[in-house]
C-alpha atoms as a PDB file:
ATOM      1  CA  MET A   1       0.000   0.000   0.000  1.00  0.00           C
ATOM      2  CA  SER A   2       1.369   3.423  -0.969  1.00  0.00           C
ATOM      3  CA  GLY A   3       2.023   6.079   1.629  1.00  0.00           C
ATOM      4  CA  GLY A   4      -0.774   8.306   0.276  1.00  0.00           C
ATOM      5  CA  LYS A   5      -3.432   5.594   0.559  1.00  0.00           C
ATOM      6  CA  MET A   6      -2.321   4.691   4.070  1.00  0.00           C
ATOM      7  CA  LEU A   7      -2.480   8.344   5.129  1.00  0.00           C
ATOM      8  CA  ARG A   8      -6.026   8.698   3.767  1.00  0.00           C
ATOM      9  CA  GLN A   9      -7.132   5.585   5.635  1.00  0.00           C
ATOM     10  CA  ILE A  10      -5.606   6.876   8.873  1.00  0.00           C
ATOM     11  CA  HIS A  11      -7.474  10.177   8.408  1.00  0.00           C
ATOM     12  CA  PHE A  12     -10.738   8.308   7.792  1.00  0.00           C
ATOM     13  CA  TRP A  13     -10.500   6.189  10.940  1.00  0.00           C
ATOM     14  CA  ILE A  14      -9.465   9.165  13.077  1.00  0.00           C
ATOM     15  CA  LEU A  15     -12.515  11.146  11.864  1.00  0.00           C
ATOM     16  CA  ALA A  16     -14.774   8.144  12.443  1.00  0.00           C
ATOM     17  CA  ALA A  17     -13.496   7.754  16.000  1.00  0.00           C
ATOM     18  CA  LEU A  18     -13.891  11.481  16.746  1.00  0.00           C
ATOM     19  CA  THR A  19     -17.435  11.480  15.357  1.00  0.00           C
ATOM     20  CA  THR A  20     -18.364   8.524  17.544  1.00  0.00           C
ATOM     21  CA  VAL A  21     -16.933  10.192  20.660  1.00  0.00           C
ATOM     22  CA  LEU A  22     -18.576  13.564  19.982  1.00  0.00           C
ATOM     23  CA  LEU A  23     -22.000  12.114  19.196  1.00  0.00           C
ATOM     24  CA  SER A  24     -21.969   9.817  22.213  1.00  0.00           C
ATOM     25  CA  GLY A  25     -22.729  12.793  24.459  1.00  0.00           C
ATOM     26  CA  CYS A  26     -25.769  13.903  22.462  1.00  0.00           C
ATOM     27  CA  GLY A  27     -28.136  11.066  23.276  1.00  0.00           C
ATOM     28  CA  SER A  28     -30.653  13.217  25.165  1.00  0.00           C
ATOM     29  CA  GLU A  29     -30.910  15.567  22.185  1.00  0.00           C
ATOM     30  CA  TYR A  30     -32.321  12.829  19.972  1.00  0.00           C
ATOM     31  CA  LEU A  31     -35.909  13.319  21.099  1.00  0.00           C
ATOM     32  CA  VAL A  32     -37.330  10.369  19.180  1.00  0.00           C
ATOM     33  CA  LEU A  33     -34.837   8.063  20.915  1.00  0.00           C
ATOM     34  CA  ASN A  34     -35.571   9.481  24.367  1.00  0.00           C
ATOM     35  CA  PRO A  35     -39.225   8.499  25.036  1.00  0.00           C
ATOM     36  CA  LYS A  36     -41.070  10.073  27.975  1.00  0.00           C
ATOM     37  CA  GLY A  37     -44.390   8.239  27.703  1.00  0.00           C
ATOM     38  CA  PRO A  38     -45.938   4.866  26.826  1.00  0.00           C
ATOM     39  CA  VAL A  39     -46.797   5.830  23.230  1.00  0.00           C
ATOM     40  CA  ALA A  40     -43.273   7.042  22.495  1.00  0.00           C
ATOM     41  CA  GLU A  41     -41.892   3.954  24.269  1.00  0.00           C
ATOM     42  CA  THR A  42     -43.900   1.629  22.020  1.00  0.00           C
ATOM     43  CA  GLN A  43     -42.735   3.474  18.920  1.00  0.00           C
ATOM     44  CA  TYR A  44     -39.140   3.485  20.179  1.00  0.00           C
ATOM     45  CA  ASN A  45     -39.257  -0.294  20.647  1.00  0.00           C
ATOM     46  CA  LEU A  46     -40.595  -0.669  17.097  1.00  0.00           C
ATOM     47  CA  ILE A  47     -37.687   1.431  15.808  1.00  0.00           C
ATOM     48  CA  ILE A  48     -35.215  -0.838  17.640  1.00  0.00           C
ATOM     49  CA  ILE A  49     -36.886  -3.996  16.294  1.00  0.00           C
ATOM     50  CA  SER A  50     -36.867  -2.554  12.758  1.00  0.00           C
ATOM     51  CA  THR A  51     -33.200  -1.595  13.060  1.00  0.00           C
ATOM     52  CA  ILE A  52     -32.202  -5.064  14.237  1.00  0.00           C
ATOM     53  CA  LEU A  53     -34.189  -6.767  11.475  1.00  0.00           C
ATOM     54  CA  CYS A  54     -32.703  -4.476   8.833  1.00  0.00           C
ATOM     55  CA  ALA A  55     -29.230  -5.114  10.225  1.00  0.00           C
ATOM     56  CA  VAL A  56     -29.757  -8.851   9.699  1.00  0.00           C
ATOM     57  CA  ILE A  57     -29.747  -8.086   5.961  1.00  0.00           C
ATOM     58  CA  ILE A  58     -27.533  -5.022   5.702  1.00  0.00           C
ATOM     59  CA  VAL A  59     -24.572  -6.212   7.785  1.00  0.00           C
ATOM     60  CA  PRO A  60     -24.058  -9.526   5.927  1.00  0.00           C
ATOM     61  CA  VAL A  61     -24.547  -7.820   2.542  1.00  0.00           C
ATOM     62  CA  LEU A  62     -21.953  -5.153   3.346  1.00  0.00           C
ATOM     63  CA  ALA A  63     -19.571  -7.758   4.703  1.00  0.00           C
ATOM     64  CA  LEU A  64     -19.982  -9.953   1.595  1.00  0.00           C
ATOM     65  CA  THR A  65     -19.560  -6.921  -0.651  1.00  0.00           C
ATOM     66  CA  ALA A  66     -16.257  -6.053   1.012  1.00  0.00           C
ATOM     67  CA  PHE A  67     -15.134  -9.691   0.861  1.00  0.00           C
ATOM     68  CA  ILE A  68     -16.027 -10.067  -2.836  1.00  0.00           C
ATOM     69  CA  VAL A  69     -14.316  -6.814  -3.786  1.00  0.00           C
ATOM     70  CA  TYR A  70     -11.159  -7.918  -1.975  1.00  0.00           C
ATOM     71  CA  ARG A  71     -11.238 -11.602  -2.884  1.00  0.00           C
ATOM     72  CA  TYR A  72     -11.913 -11.129  -6.577  1.00  0.00           C
ATOM     73  CA  ARG A  73      -9.923  -7.987  -7.210  1.00  0.00           C
ATOM     74  CA  ASP A  74      -7.788  -7.868 -10.294  1.00  0.00           C
ATOM     75  CA  LYS A  75      -4.178  -8.793  -9.550  1.00  0.00           C
ATOM     76  CA  PRO A  76      -1.576 -10.929 -11.295  1.00  0.00           C
ATOM     77  CA  ASP A  77      -1.527 -13.775  -8.748  1.00  0.00           C
ATOM     78  CA  ASN A  78      -5.273 -13.987  -8.079  1.00  0.00           C
ATOM     79  CA  LYS A  79      -6.187 -17.660  -7.510  1.00  0.00           C
ATOM     80  CA  ALA A  80      -9.979 -17.166  -7.568  1.00  0.00           C
ATOM     81  CA  PRO A  81     -11.779 -19.771  -9.686  1.00  0.00           C
ATOM     82  CA  TYR A  82     -12.967 -18.607 -13.099  1.00  0.00           C
ATOM     83  CA  LYS A  83     -16.431 -19.968 -14.005  1.00  0.00           C
ATOM     84  CA  PRO A  84     -17.797 -18.050 -17.023  1.00  0.00           C
ATOM     85  CA  GLU A  85     -20.686 -20.513 -17.507  1.00  0.00           C
ATOM     86  CA  TRP A  86     -22.001 -20.264 -13.927  1.00  0.00           C
ATOM     87  CA  ALA A  87     -25.543 -18.825 -13.871  1.00  0.00           C
ATOM     88  CA  HIS A  88     -27.680 -20.266 -11.084  1.00  0.00           C
ATOM     89  CA  ASN A  89     -27.547 -21.743  -7.576  1.00  0.00           C
ATOM     90  CA  SER A  90     -30.783 -22.881  -5.961  1.00  0.00           C
ATOM     91  CA  VAL A  91     -29.399 -22.695  -2.410  1.00  0.00           C
ATOM     92  CA  LEU A  92     -28.214 -19.111  -2.856  1.00  0.00           C
ATOM     93  CA  GLU A  93     -31.510 -18.120  -4.484  1.00  0.00           C
ATOM     94  CA  ALA A  94     -33.443 -19.549  -1.536  1.00  0.00           C
ATOM     95  CA  ILE A  95     -31.211 -17.672   0.916  1.00  0.00           C
ATOM     96  CA  TRP A  96     -31.319 -14.221  -0.659  1.00  0.00           C
ATOM     97  CA  TRP A  97     -35.049 -14.408  -1.323  1.00  0.00           C
ATOM     98  CA  GLY A  98     -36.172 -16.389   1.723  1.00  0.00           C
ATOM     99  CA  ILE A  99     -34.443 -14.379   4.450  1.00  0.00           C
ATOM    100  CA  PRO A 100     -35.849 -10.976   3.305  1.00  0.00           C
ATOM    101  CA  VAL A 101     -39.359 -12.453   3.006  1.00  0.00           C
ATOM    102  CA  VAL A 102     -39.163 -13.807   6.566  1.00  0.00           C
ATOM    103  CA  ILE A 103     -37.812 -10.506   7.889  1.00  0.00           C
ATOM    104  CA  ILE A 104     -40.548  -8.494   6.136  1.00  0.00           C
ATOM    105  CA  ALA A 105     -43.188 -10.823   7.590  1.00  0.00           C
ATOM    106  CA  ILE A 106     -41.787 -10.387  11.112  1.00  0.00           C
ATOM    107  CA  LEU A 107     -41.540  -6.614  10.699  1.00  0.00           C
ATOM    108  CA  GLY A 108     -45.083  -6.500   9.329  1.00  0.00           C
ATOM    109  CA  TYR A 109     -46.399  -8.396  12.348  1.00  0.00           C
ATOM    110  CA  PHE A 110     -44.850  -5.999  14.878  1.00  0.00           C
ATOM    111  CA  THR A 111     -45.886  -2.941  12.855  1.00  0.00           C
ATOM    112  CA  VAL A 112     -49.531  -4.012  12.546  1.00  0.00           C
ATOM    113  CA  ARG A 113     -49.666  -5.042  16.206  1.00  0.00           C
ATOM    114  CA  ASP A 114     -48.328  -1.708  17.470  1.00  0.00           C
ATOM    115  CA  THR A 115     -50.439   0.304  15.018  1.00  0.00           C
ATOM    116  CA  TYR A 116     -53.635  -1.138  16.481  1.00  0.00           C
ATOM    117  CA  VAL A 117     -52.358  -0.734  20.046  1.00  0.00           C
ATOM    118  CA  LEU A 118     -51.576   2.955  19.484  1.00  0.00           C
ATOM    119  CA  LYS A 119     -55.075   3.651  18.161  1.00  0.00           C
ATOM    120  CA  GLU A 120     -56.380   3.205  21.706  1.00  0.00           C
ATOM    121  CA  SER A 121     -55.726   4.939  24.998  1.00  0.00           C
ATOM    122  CA  PRO A 122     -52.387   3.814  26.485  1.00  0.00           C
ATOM    123  CA  ASN A 123     -53.915   3.608  29.980  1.00  0.00           C
ATOM    124  CA  LYS A 124     -57.334   1.993  30.319  1.00  0.00           C
ATOM    125  CA  GLU A 125     -57.504   2.734  34.071  1.00  0.00           C
ATOM    126  CA  VAL A 126     -57.520   6.518  33.708  1.00  0.00           C
ATOM    127  CA  ALA A 127     -60.127   8.537  31.847  1.00  0.00           C
ATOM    128  CA  PRO A 128     -58.516  10.300  28.861  1.00  0.00           C
ATOM    129  CA  MET A 129     -58.568  14.068  28.659  1.00  0.00           C
ATOM    130  CA  THR A 130     -59.547  15.673  25.355  1.00  0.00           C
ATOM    131  CA  VAL A 131     -57.537  18.463  23.752  1.00  0.00           C
ATOM    132  CA  GLN A 132     -58.536  19.886  20.377  1.00  0.00           C
ATOM    133  CA  VAL A 133     -55.641  21.015  18.164  1.00  0.00           C
ATOM    134  CA  THR A 134     -56.041  23.493  15.316  1.00  0.00           C
ATOM    135  CA  ALA A 135     -53.151  24.294  12.975  1.00  0.00           C
ATOM    136  CA  LEU A 136     -53.131  27.935  11.874  1.00  0.00           C
ATOM    137  CA  ASP A 137     -50.749  30.044   9.768  1.00  0.00           C
ATOM    138  CA  TRP A 138     -48.215  29.765  11.539  1.00  0.00           C
ATOM    139  CA  LYS A 139     -49.246  28.886  15.058  1.00  0.00           C
ATOM    140  CA  TRP A 140     -50.983  26.167  17.062  1.00  0.00           C
ATOM    141  CA  MET A 141     -54.254  26.688  18.913  1.00  0.00           C
ATOM    142  CA  PHE A 142     -55.274  24.270  21.670  1.00  0.00           C
ATOM    143  CA  THR A 143     -58.800  24.194  23.050  1.00  0.00           C
ATOM    144  CA  TYR A 144     -59.704  22.201  26.167  1.00  0.00           C
ATOM    145  CA  PRO A 145     -63.445  21.382  25.863  1.00  0.00           C
ATOM    146  CA  GLU A 146     -63.636  19.841  29.342  1.00  0.00           C
ATOM    147  CA  GLN A 147     -61.921  22.763  31.081  1.00  0.00           C
ATOM    148  CA  ASN A 148     -63.285  25.413  28.659  1.00  0.00           C
ATOM    149  CA  ILE A 149     -59.922  27.150  28.245  1.00  0.00           C
ATOM    150  CA  ALA A 150     -57.718  27.733  25.202  1.00  0.00           C
ATOM    151  CA  THR A 151     -54.032  28.344  24.561  1.00  0.00           C
ATOM    152  CA  VAL A 152     -51.823  29.336  21.651  1.00  0.00           C
ATOM    153  CA  ASN A 153     -48.362  27.792  21.142  1.00  0.00           C
ATOM    154  CA  TYR A 154     -48.515  26.368  24.663  1.00  0.00           C
ATOM    155  CA  LEU A 155     -49.867  23.044  25.858  1.00  0.00           C
ATOM    156  CA  GLU A 156     -50.148  21.876  29.450  1.00  0.00           C
ATOM    157  CA  ILE A 157     -51.159  18.323  30.370  1.00  0.00           C
ATOM    158  CA  PRO A 158     -51.351  16.257  33.574  1.00  0.00           C
ATOM    159  CA  VAL A 159     -48.766  13.529  34.176  1.00  0.00           C
ATOM    160  CA  GLY A 160     -50.016   9.954  33.905  1.00  0.00           C
ATOM    161  CA  VAL A 161     -53.257  10.913  32.124  1.00  0.00           C
ATOM    162  CA  PRO A 162     -53.867   9.853  28.509  1.00  0.00           C
ATOM    163  CA  VAL A 163     -54.612  12.836  26.292  1.00  0.00           C
ATOM    164  CA  HIS A 164     -56.921  12.293  23.337  1.00  0.00           C
ATOM    165  CA  PHE A 165     -55.945  14.863  20.717  1.00  0.00           C
ATOM    166  CA  GLN A 166     -58.496  15.785  18.058  1.00  0.00           C
ATOM    167  CA  ILE A 167     -56.528  17.494  15.306  1.00  0.00           C
ATOM    168  CA  SER A 168     -57.617  19.674  12.391  1.00  0.00           C
ATOM    169  CA  ALA A 169     -56.487  22.759  10.482  1.00  0.00           C
ATOM    170  CA  GLU A 170     -57.810  26.152   9.443  1.00  0.00           C
ATOM    171  CA  ALA A 171     -54.857  26.544   7.086  1.00  0.00           C
ATOM    172  CA  PRO A 172     -52.796  24.397   4.691  1.00  0.00           C
ATOM    173  CA  MET A 173     -52.128  20.813   5.761  1.00  0.00           C
ATOM    174  CA  ASN A 174     -49.740  20.570   8.679  1.00  0.00           C
ATOM    175  CA  SER A 175     -48.454  17.936  11.068  1.00  0.00           C
ATOM    176  CA  PHE A 176     -48.643  17.868  14.863  1.00  0.00           C
ATOM    177  CA  TRP A 177     -45.590  16.329  16.557  1.00  0.00           C
ATOM    178  CA  VAL A 178     -44.262  16.008  20.109  1.00  0.00           C
ATOM    179  CA  PRO A 179     -41.272  13.656  19.562  1.00  0.00           C
ATOM    180  CA  SER A 180     -40.691  12.849  23.246  1.00  0.00           C
ATOM    181  CA  LEU A 181     -44.299  11.658  23.640  1.00  0.00           C
ATOM    182  CA  GLY A 182     -45.123  10.054  20.291  1.00  0.00           C
ATOM    183  CA  GLY A 183     -45.195  10.238  16.525  1.00  0.00           C
ATOM    184  CA  GLN A 184     -46.655  12.890  14.273  1.00  0.00           C
ATOM    185  CA  VAL A 185     -50.203  13.066  12.907  1.00  0.00           C
ATOM    186  CA  TYR A 186     -51.402  15.230  10.041  1.00  0.00           C
ATOM    187  CA  ALA A 187     -53.670  18.225  10.611  1.00  0.00           C
ATOM    188  CA  MET A 188     -55.943  18.686   7.584  1.00  0.00           C
ATOM    189  CA  ALA A 189     -58.657  21.216   6.902  1.00  0.00           C
ATOM    190  CA  GLY A 190     -62.129  19.670   6.895  1.00  0.00           C
ATOM    191  CA  MET A 191     -60.966  16.542   8.691  1.00  0.00           C
ATOM    192  CA  ALA A 192     -60.350  15.584  12.314  1.00  0.00           C
ATOM    193  CA  THR A 193     -57.553  13.120  12.932  1.00  0.00           C
ATOM    194  CA  GLU A 194     -56.804  11.740  16.380  1.00  0.00           C
ATOM    195  CA  LEU A 195     -53.816  10.817  18.489  1.00  0.00           C
ATOM    196  CA  TYR A 196     -53.289   9.520  22.016  1.00  0.00           C
ATOM    197  CA  LEU A 197     -50.262  10.735  23.985  1.00  0.00           C
ATOM    198  CA  GLN A 198     -49.280  10.472  27.635  1.00  0.00           C
ATOM    199  CA  ALA A 199     -46.406  11.863  29.711  1.00  0.00           C
ATOM    200  CA  ASP A 200     -45.084   9.548  32.404  1.00  0.00           C
ATOM    201  CA  GLU A 201     -43.026  12.193  34.187  1.00  0.00           C
ATOM    202  CA  PRO A 202     -43.128  15.962  34.746  1.00  0.00           C
ATOM    203  CA  GLY A 203     -41.128  18.078  32.368  1.00  0.00           C
ATOM    204  CA  GLU A 204     -41.076  20.373  29.368  1.00  0.00           C
ATOM    205  CA  PHE A 205     -41.152  18.867  25.892  1.00  0.00           C
ATOM    206  CA  ALA A 206     -40.724  20.443  22.475  1.00  0.00           C
ATOM    207  CA  GLY A 207     -43.566  20.402  19.974  1.00  0.00           C
ATOM    208  CA  PHE A 208     -43.092  20.971  16.260  1.00  0.00           C
ATOM    209  CA  SER A 209     -44.732  21.347  12.910  1.00  0.00           C
ATOM    210  CA  SER A 210     -43.299  18.507  10.841  1.00  0.00           C
ATOM    211  CA  ASN A 211     -44.912  19.337   7.515  1.00  0.00           C
ATOM    212  CA  PHE A 212     -43.981  22.304   5.326  1.00  0.00           C
ATOM    213  CA  SER A 213     -46.902  24.726   5.298  1.00  0.00           C
ATOM    214  CA  GLY A 214     -45.497  28.020   4.139  1.00  0.00           C
ATOM    215  CA  GLU A 215     -42.971  30.763   4.679  1.00  0.00           C
ATOM    216  CA  LYS A 216     -42.721  30.685   8.487  1.00  0.00           C
ATOM    217  CA  PHE A 217     -43.576  27.081   9.290  1.00  0.00           C
ATOM    218  CA  ALA A 218     -40.113  26.595  10.852  1.00  0.00           C
ATOM    219  CA  HIS A 219     -41.194  28.956  13.660  1.00  0.00           C
ATOM    220  CA  MET A 220     -44.408  27.015  14.225  1.00  0.00           C
ATOM    221  CA  GLN A 221     -43.263  25.482  17.490  1.00  0.00           C
ATOM    222  CA  PHE A 222     -44.911  25.077  20.866  1.00  0.00           C
ATOM    223  CA  LYS A 223     -44.008  24.060  24.396  1.00  0.00           C
ATOM    224  CA  VAL A 224     -45.586  21.093  26.167  1.00  0.00           C
ATOM    225  CA  VAL A 225     -45.516  21.157  29.971  1.00  0.00           C
ATOM    226  CA  ALA A 226     -46.451  18.028  31.924  1.00  0.00           C
ATOM    227  CA  LYS A 227     -47.377  18.528  35.582  1.00  0.00           C
ATOM    228  CA  PRO A 228     -48.922  16.421  38.353  1.00  0.00           C
ATOM    229  CA  GLN A 229     -52.726  16.460  38.320  1.00  0.00           C
ATOM    230  CA  GLU A 230     -53.042  18.866  41.269  1.00  0.00           C
ATOM    231  CA  GLU A 231     -50.694  21.382  39.661  1.00  0.00           C
ATOM    232  CA  PHE A 232     -52.524  21.057  36.357  1.00  0.00           C
ATOM    233  CA  ASN A 233     -55.852  21.771  38.079  1.00  0.00           C
ATOM    234  CA  LYS A 234     -54.289  24.790  39.771  1.00  0.00           C
ATOM    235  CA  TRP A 235     -53.014  26.051  36.407  1.00  0.00           C
ATOM    236  CA  VAL A 236     -56.497  25.705  34.902  1.00  0.00           C
ATOM    237  CA  SER A 237     -57.935  27.738  37.781  1.00  0.00           C
ATOM    238  CA  GLU A 238     -55.282  30.422  37.304  1.00  0.00           C
ATOM    239  CA  VAL A 239     -56.016  30.663  33.579  1.00  0.00           C
ATOM    240  CA  LYS A 240     -59.735  30.998  34.263  1.00  0.00           C
ATOM    241  CA  GLY A 241     -59.120  33.680  36.871  1.00  0.00           C
ATOM    242  CA  THR A 242     -56.466  35.804  35.163  1.00  0.00           C
ATOM    243  CA  SER A 243     -56.788  35.424  31.371  1.00  0.00           C
ATOM    244  CA  PRO A 244     -59.306  37.002  28.983  1.00  0.00           C
ATOM    245  CA  ALA A 245     -61.930  34.981  27.157  1.00  0.00           C
ATOM    246  CA  MET A 246     -61.420  34.305  23.462  1.00  0.00           C
ATOM    247  CA  THR A 247     -64.037  35.903  21.233  1.00  0.00           C
ATOM    248  CA  LYS A 248     -64.806  35.173  17.605  1.00  0.00           C
ATOM    249  CA  GLU A 249     -62.960  38.392  16.757  1.00  0.00           C
ATOM    250  CA  ASP A 250     -59.898  37.126  18.644  1.00  0.00           C
ATOM    251  CA  TYR A 251     -60.007  33.886  16.685  1.00  0.00           C
ATOM    252  CA  ASN A 252     -60.379  35.709  13.370  1.00  0.00           C
ATOM    253  CA  GLU A 253     -57.202  37.641  14.214  1.00  0.00           C
ATOM    254  CA  LEU A 254     -55.373  34.455  15.227  1.00  0.00           C
ATOM    255  CA  LYS A 255     -56.119  32.671  11.987  1.00  0.00           C
ATOM    256  CA  LYS A 256     -54.547  35.404   9.882  1.00  0.00           C
ATOM    257  CA  PRO A 257     -51.096  34.391   8.538  1.00  0.00           C
ATOM    258  CA  GLY A 258     -48.322  35.403  10.926  1.00  0.00           C
ATOM    259  CA  LEU A 259     -46.438  34.373  14.041  1.00  0.00           C
ATOM    260  CA  ALA A 260     -47.829  34.627  17.576  1.00  0.00           C
ATOM    261  CA  GLU A 261     -46.504  34.512  21.126  1.00  0.00           C
ATOM    262  CA  GLU A 262     -47.874  32.166  23.770  1.00  0.00           C
ATOM    263  CA  LYS A 263     -51.421  33.129  24.720  1.00  0.00           C
ATOM    264  CA  LEU A 264     -53.898  31.908  27.341  1.00  0.00           C
ATOM    265  CA  TYR A 265     -57.692  32.276  27.272  1.00  0.00           C
ATOM    266  CA  SER A 266     -60.147  31.647  30.102  1.00  0.00           C
ATOM    267  CA  ALA A 267     -62.841  30.535  27.623  1.00  0.00           C
ATOM    268  CA  PHE A 268     -63.478  30.131  23.902  1.00  0.00           C
ATOM    269  CA  PRO A 269     -66.555  30.204  21.657  1.00  0.00           C
ATOM    270  CA  GLU A 270     -68.641  27.085  22.133  1.00  0.00           C
ATOM    271  CA  GLY A 271     -68.241  24.550  19.328  1.00  0.00           C
ATOM    272  CA  LEU A 272     -65.300  26.422  17.755  1.00  0.00           C
ATOM    273  CA  PHE A 273     -63.335  23.309  16.824  1.00  0.00           C
ATOM    274  CA  GLU A 274     -66.408  21.537  15.460  1.00  0.00           C
ATOM    275  CA  GLU A 275     -67.236  24.629  13.418  1.00  0.00           C
ATOM    276  CA  ILE A 276     -63.722  24.651  11.916  1.00  0.00           C
ATOM    277  CA  VAL A 277     -64.003  20.981  10.933  1.00  0.00           C
ATOM    278  CA  GLN A 278     -67.519  21.426   9.533  1.00  0.00           C
ATOM    279  CA  LYS A 279     -66.587  24.510   7.524  1.00  0.00           C
ATOM    280  CA  TYR A 280     -64.229  22.578   5.264  1.00  0.00           C
ATOM    281  CA  GLY A 281     -65.744  19.126   5.841  1.00  0.00           C
ATOM    282  CA  HIS A 282     -67.370  18.553   2.425  1.00  0.00           C
ATOM    283  CA  GLY A 283     -69.531  15.794   3.897  1.00  0.00           C
ATOM    284  CA  HIS A 284     -66.788  13.789   5.644  1.00  0.00           C
ATOM    285  CA  ASP A 285     -68.024  11.716   8.589  1.00  0.00           C
ATOM    286  CA  MET A 286     -66.010  12.752  11.654  1.00  0.00           C
ATOM    287  CA  ASP A 287     -68.158  11.039  14.289  1.00  0.00           C
ATOM    288  CA  HIS A 288     -65.553   8.307  14.794  1.00  0.00           C
ATOM    289  CA  VAL A 289     -63.132  10.963  16.041  1.00  0.00           C
ATOM    290  CA  MET A 290     -65.554  13.274  17.825  1.00  0.00           C
ATOM    291  CA  GLN A 291     -67.365  10.507  19.723  1.00  0.00           C
ATOM    292  CA  LYS A 292     -67.398  10.312  23.498  1.00  0.00           C
ATOM    293  CA  GLN A 293     -64.381   8.776  25.166  1.00  0.00           C
ATOM    294  CA  PRO A 294     -64.707   5.280  26.704  1.00  0.00           C
ATOM    295  CA  ALA A 295     -65.115   5.056  30.460  1.00  0.00           C
ATOM    296  CA  PRO A 296     -62.023   3.961  32.389  1.00  0.00           C
ATOM    297  CA  THR A 297     -61.826   0.410  33.743  1.00  0.00           C
ATOM    298  CA  GLY A 298     -60.019   1.176  37.013  1.00  0.00           C
ATOM    299  CA  ASP A 299     -60.546   3.312  40.090  1.00  0.00           C
ATOM    300  CA  LYS A 300     -57.828   5.751  39.060  1.00  0.00           C
ATOM    301  CA  SER A 301     -60.358   7.623  36.959  1.00  0.00           C
ATOM    302  CA  LYS A 302     -61.459   9.406  40.105  1.00  0.00           C
ATOM    303  CA  GLU A 303     -58.225  11.359  40.017  1.00  0.00           C
ATOM    304  CA  THR A 304     -59.430  13.407  37.037  1.00  0.00           C
ATOM    305  CA  SER A 305     -62.670  15.034  36.053  1.00  0.00           C
ATOM    306  CA  GLN A 306     -63.803  13.753  32.674  1.00  0.00           C
ATOM    307  CA  LEU A 307     -66.548  15.384  30.657  1.00  0.00           C
ATOM    308  CA  PRO A 308     -67.741  13.744  27.436  1.00  0.00           C
ATOM    309  CA  SER A 309     -66.254  15.166  24.269  1.00  0.00           C
ATOM    310  CA  THR A 310     -68.651  17.034  22.044  1.00  0.00           C
ATOM    311  CA  ASP A 311     -71.105  15.054  19.932  1.00  0.00           C
ATOM    312  CA  MET A 312     -71.360  16.962  16.672  1.00  0.00           C
ATOM    313  CA  SER A 313     -74.917  15.787  16.128  1.00  0.00           C
ATOM    314  CA  ASN A 314     -76.051  17.911  19.079  1.00  0.00           C
ATOM    315  CA  MET A 315     -74.136  21.062  18.135  1.00  0.00           C
ATOM    316  CA  PRO A 316     -76.344  24.120  17.565  1.00  0.00           C
ATOM    317  CA  GLY A 317     -76.574  24.909  13.891  1.00  0.00           C
ATOM    318  CA  MET A 318     -74.984  21.595  12.848  1.00  0.00           C
ATOM    319  CA  ASP A 319     -76.625  19.649  10.037  1.00  0.00           C
ATOM    320  CA  HIS A 320     -75.781  16.119  11.127  1.00  0.00           C
ATOM    321  CA  SER A 321     -76.894  14.628   7.840  1.00  0.00           C
ATOM    322  CA  SER A 322     -74.218  16.614   6.030  1.00  0.00           C
ATOM    323  CA  MET A 323     -71.553  14.862   8.057  1.00  0.00           C
ATOM    324  CA  LYS A 324     -72.321  11.542   6.388  1.00  0.00           C
ATOM    325  CA  HIS A 325     -70.796  10.344   3.158  1.00  0.00           C
END
């Protein structure tokens, strides 16, 4: 090996080692790989399973590639057998087709299993709390129908309580994402998607828009604060006692394109979220999302006050028949 090639290889391995050392201290910054709730934990485990299954294919393929390149390289004294008529090997065909098929089947099983699990509340013993999420240009509005308060670019939730998010948009399609608590879900005008999240410990978590929606979407971020139930109840009381109520005029200003600071409202117009969904609904049936939440199975439900989420068929001015396909 020439001196130049050896020097380049030394540089490569030094940079690889430095990169490994420097990145080893950044684990907590990788929010997706640092789950803080049962939903994020389930998704994290699926990522690990997927990585291992992919490695079963990738590692041997890379190793064989390196071996073949080295073993059959062109050199004067190469003793590799020369078989120009070789075209097929049943054993090899079975291996390189059979193993991927088995791996895809295993990965499909775990993916389907976890997908159905994550469609339901992660804690059947505690009544879920409903939070309605509306994506605006370029801000997030959260309405709490059970507490009758609203916030902008700020979300507070109780620790250990499943939160049932009903998500829609008054603006171009967006995506609601709190990486530490779970995966992203699209926010689309005229539709209401849903997502369950839960925080297992107090803390502050970053929320993002993960879908390009215009000039200032990169600033469309919000803070999620998880507190014990008593502190959450106290916060709700403080908001009701110190913050103004949101009027229709306030909402009309909020939905105009532009950035906004964190805002708190002691009340909001009744049926606001349902009105937003209905306005662009074009006959889509959203009852499966807007239905009442199931009753908890354990005694822990007494720790929270749970009001039924709004049934759109009973909303004033709502034509229920128009919500059917």
